[in-house]
C-alpha atoms as a PDB file:
ATOM      1  CA  MET A   1    -302.815 -31.247 -65.493  1.00  0.00           C
ATOM      2  CA  ASN A   2    -301.314 -27.946 -66.596  1.00  0.00           C
ATOM      3  CA  SER A   3    -299.046 -25.676 -64.547  1.00  0.00           C
ATOM      4  CA  GLN A   4    -301.958 -23.511 -63.323  1.00  0.00           C
ATOM      5  CA  GLN A   5    -303.858 -26.442 -61.821  1.00  0.00           C
ATOM      6  CA  SER A   6    -302.924 -27.881 -58.480  1.00  0.00           C
ATOM      7  CA  ALA A   7    -303.254 -31.416 -57.194  1.00  0.00           C
ATOM      8  CA  VAL A   8    -304.386 -29.961 -53.843  1.00  0.00           C
ATOM      9  CA  PRO A   9    -307.819 -28.239 -53.734  1.00  0.00           C
ATOM     10  CA  ASN A  10    -307.812 -24.632 -52.482  1.00  0.00           C
ATOM     11  CA  ARG A  11    -309.813 -25.479 -49.350  1.00  0.00           C
ATOM     12  CA  LEU A  12    -307.355 -28.216 -48.372  1.00  0.00           C
ATOM     13  CA  ARG A  13    -304.365 -25.992 -49.197  1.00  0.00           C
ATOM     14  CA  LYS A  14    -305.779 -23.260 -46.913  1.00  0.00           C
ATOM     15  CA  TYR A  15    -306.269 -25.820 -44.106  1.00  0.00           C
ATOM     16  CA  ILE A  16    -302.728 -27.127 -44.506  1.00  0.00           C
ATOM     17  CA  MET A  17    -301.260 -23.617 -44.453  1.00  0.00           C
ATOM     18  CA  THR A  18    -303.295 -22.724 -41.358  1.00  0.00           C
ATOM     19  CA  SER A  19    -302.122 -25.906 -39.649  1.00  0.00           C
ATOM     20  CA  LEU A  20    -298.521 -25.150 -40.538  1.00  0.00           C
ATOM     21  CA  LYS A  21    -298.832 -21.614 -39.164  1.00  0.00           C
ATOM     22  CA  HIS A  22    -300.215 -23.009 -35.909  1.00  0.00           C
ATOM     23  CA  LYS A  23    -297.239 -25.331 -35.610  1.00  0.00           C
ATOM     24  CA  VAL A  24    -294.710 -22.655 -36.544  1.00  0.00           C
ATOM     25  CA  VAL A  25    -295.971 -19.555 -34.741  1.00  0.00           C
ATOM     26  CA  GLY A  26    -298.594 -20.876 -32.335  1.00  0.00           C
ATOM     27  CA  ASP A  27    -302.123 -19.521 -32.205  1.00  0.00           C
ATOM     28  CA  ILE A  28    -303.196 -17.298 -35.044  1.00  0.00           C
ATOM     29  CA  MET A  29    -304.867 -14.118 -33.886  1.00  0.00           C
ATOM     30  CA  ALA A  30    -308.001 -12.816 -35.565  1.00  0.00           C
ATOM     31  CA  ILE A  31    -307.702  -9.776 -37.785  1.00  0.00           C
ATOM     32  CA  LEU A  32    -310.361  -7.074 -37.712  1.00  0.00           C
ATOM     33  CA  THR A  33    -310.713  -4.425 -40.400  1.00  0.00           C
ATOM     34  CA  VAL A  34    -312.769  -1.336 -39.606  1.00  0.00           C
ATOM     35  CA  ARG A  35    -313.953   0.520 -42.682  1.00  0.00           C
ATOM     36  CA  ASN A  36    -315.268   4.072 -42.951  1.00  0.00           C
ATOM     37  CA  LEU A  37    -313.791   5.217 -39.646  1.00  0.00           C
ATOM     38  CA  PRO A  38    -314.255   8.987 -39.404  1.00  0.00           C
ATOM     39  CA  ASP A  39    -311.027  10.990 -39.408  1.00  0.00           C
ATOM     40  CA  GLU A  40    -311.887  12.575 -36.066  1.00  0.00           C
ATOM     41  CA  VAL A  41    -312.281   9.146 -34.425  1.00  0.00           C
ATOM     42  CA  HIS A  42    -308.974   7.968 -35.890  1.00  0.00           C
ATOM     43  CA  ARG A  43    -307.251  11.141 -34.707  1.00  0.00           C
ATOM     44  CA  SER A  44    -308.709  10.692 -31.209  1.00  0.00           C
ATOM     45  CA  LEU A  45    -307.509   7.089 -31.122  1.00  0.00           C
ATOM     46  CA  ARG A  46    -303.978   8.170 -32.087  1.00  0.00           C
ATOM     47  CA  VAL A  47    -303.942  10.847 -29.367  1.00  0.00           C
ATOM     48  CA  ARG A  48    -305.307   8.433 -26.777  1.00  0.00           C
ATOM     49  CA  ALA A  49    -302.720   5.814 -27.792  1.00  0.00           C
ATOM     50  CA  ALA A  50    -299.917   8.346 -27.427  1.00  0.00           C
ATOM     51  CA  GLN A  51    -301.179   9.320 -23.977  1.00  0.00           C
ATOM     52  CA  HIS A  52    -301.016   5.653 -22.959  1.00  0.00           C
ATOM     53  CA  GLY A  53    -297.637   5.109 -24.604  1.00  0.00           C
ATOM     54  CA  ARG A  54    -298.762   2.508 -27.102  1.00  0.00           C
ATOM     55  CA  SER A  55    -299.558   2.149 -30.780  1.00  0.00           C
ATOM     56  CA  THR A  56    -302.965   2.975 -32.187  1.00  0.00           C
ATOM     57  CA  GLU A  57    -303.479  -0.727 -32.853  1.00  0.00           C
ATOM     58  CA  ALA A  58    -302.634  -1.618 -29.245  1.00  0.00           C
ATOM     59  CA  GLU A  59    -304.987   1.128 -28.030  1.00  0.00           C
ATOM     60  CA  VAL A  60    -307.851  -0.257 -30.115  1.00  0.00           C
ATOM     61  CA  ARG A  61    -307.160  -3.762 -28.752  1.00  0.00           C
ATOM     62  CA  ALA A  62    -307.229  -2.427 -25.183  1.00  0.00           C
ATOM     63  CA  LEU A  63    -310.485  -0.563 -25.807  1.00  0.00           C
ATOM     64  CA  LEU A  64    -312.124  -3.628 -27.345  1.00  0.00           C
ATOM     65  CA  GLU A  65    -310.958  -5.887 -24.514  1.00  0.00           C
ATOM     66  CA  GLU A  66    -312.315  -3.459 -21.927  1.00  0.00           C
ATOM     67  CA  ALA A  67    -315.626  -3.123 -23.769  1.00  0.00           C
ATOM     68  CA  VAL A  68    -316.332  -6.860 -23.889  1.00  0.00           C
ATOM     69  CA  LYS A  69    -314.776  -7.919 -20.578  1.00  0.00           C
ATOM     70  CA  PRO A  70    -317.288  -9.232 -18.031  1.00  0.00           C
ATOM     71  CA  GLN A  71    -318.162  -6.626 -15.397  1.00  0.00           C
ATOM     72  CA  GLY A  72    -317.046  -8.919 -12.608  1.00  0.00           C
ATOM     73  CA  ARG A  73    -316.777 -12.529 -11.830  1.00  0.00           C
ATOM     74  CA  LEU A  74    -319.945 -14.346 -10.903  1.00  0.00           C
ATOM     75  CA  LYS A  75    -320.205 -14.789  -7.164  1.00  0.00           C
ATOM     76  CA  LEU A  76    -322.302 -17.773  -6.167  1.00  0.00           C
ATOM     77  CA  GLY A  77    -323.547 -16.228  -2.913  1.00  0.00           C
ATOM     78  CA  SER A  78    -324.712 -13.079  -4.667  1.00  0.00           C
ATOM     79  CA  LEU A  79    -326.413 -15.139  -7.344  1.00  0.00           C
ATOM     80  CA  LEU A  80    -328.232 -17.277  -4.770  1.00  0.00           C
ATOM     81  CA  ALA A  81    -329.304 -14.194  -2.805  1.00  0.00           C
ATOM     82  CA  SER A  82    -330.661 -12.683  -6.015  1.00  0.00           C
ATOM     83  CA  VAL A  83    -332.619 -15.851  -6.762  1.00  0.00           C
ATOM     84  CA  GLY A  84    -334.019 -15.806  -3.219  1.00  0.00           C
ATOM     85  CA  ARG A  85    -335.169 -12.196  -3.609  1.00  0.00           C
ATOM     86  CA  LYS A  86    -336.836 -12.983  -6.924  1.00  0.00           C
ATOM     87  CA  MET A  87    -338.618 -15.963  -5.355  1.00  0.00           C
ATOM     88  CA  LYS A  88    -339.651 -13.763  -2.402  1.00  0.00           C
ATOM     89  CA  LEU A  89    -338.466 -16.253   0.214  1.00  0.00           C
ATOM     90  CA  THR A  90    -339.639 -15.622   3.748  1.00  0.00           C
ATOM     91  CA  ASP A  91    -337.201 -15.251   6.665  1.00  0.00           C
ATOM     92  CA  GLU A  92    -338.219 -18.719   7.868  1.00  0.00           C
ATOM     93  CA  GLU A  93    -337.404 -20.260   4.483  1.00  0.00           C
ATOM     94  CA  VAL A  94    -334.048 -18.499   4.405  1.00  0.00           C
ATOM     95  CA  ALA A  95    -333.333 -19.778   7.938  1.00  0.00           C
ATOM     96  CA  LEU A  96    -334.107 -23.339   6.821  1.00  0.00           C
ATOM     97  CA  ILE A  97    -331.722 -22.988   3.901  1.00  0.00           C
ATOM     98  CA  SER A  98    -329.066 -21.546   6.211  1.00  0.00           C
ATOM     99  CA  GLN A  99    -329.255 -24.538   8.537  1.00  0.00           C
ATOM    100  CA  ARG A 100    -326.691 -27.103   7.644  1.00  0.00           C
ATOM    101  CA  ASP A 101    -324.780 -29.898   9.210  1.00  0.00           C
ATOM    102  CA  GLN A 102    -322.065 -28.264  11.336  1.00  0.00           C
ATOM    103  CA  SER A 103    -320.255 -31.520  12.139  1.00  0.00           C
ATOM    104  CA  LEU A 104    -316.768 -32.083  10.789  1.00  0.00           C
ATOM    105  CA  PRO A 105    -316.518 -34.204   7.661  1.00  0.00           C
ATOM    106  CA  ARG A 106    -315.429 -37.791   8.037  1.00  0.00           C
ATOM    107  CA  PRO A 107    -311.926 -38.619   6.825  1.00  0.00           C
ATOM    108  CA  VAL A 108    -311.813 -40.538   3.551  1.00  0.00           C
ATOM    109  CA  SER A 109    -310.876 -44.173   3.843  1.00  0.00           C
ATOM    110  CA  PHE A 110    -309.165 -45.854   0.914  1.00  0.00           C
ATOM    111  CA  GLU A 111    -309.236 -49.326   2.377  1.00  0.00           C
END
């Protein structure tokens, strides 16, 4: 084996280095490169970042997070009401669903 060859394959070396980075600095964040960004867009991002008191990179992160963030948390009641409307439930069927046992739950016995 000459000096240019390694006993560790490149794929394994990359895995080891990634593992070491995780142990040393914690989670590794993804890196995104945007090519061919028009100058006007870049300028607008810099201005917007300055207005918010952060770096251009931080501004882009904030914009991306906002763009992909869910619009709101899923609310079970709203979801069920939507399903009921789609199924065209009658008032009587809704009343039957609304009826439930109103008695207090029994205490749990561990004996």
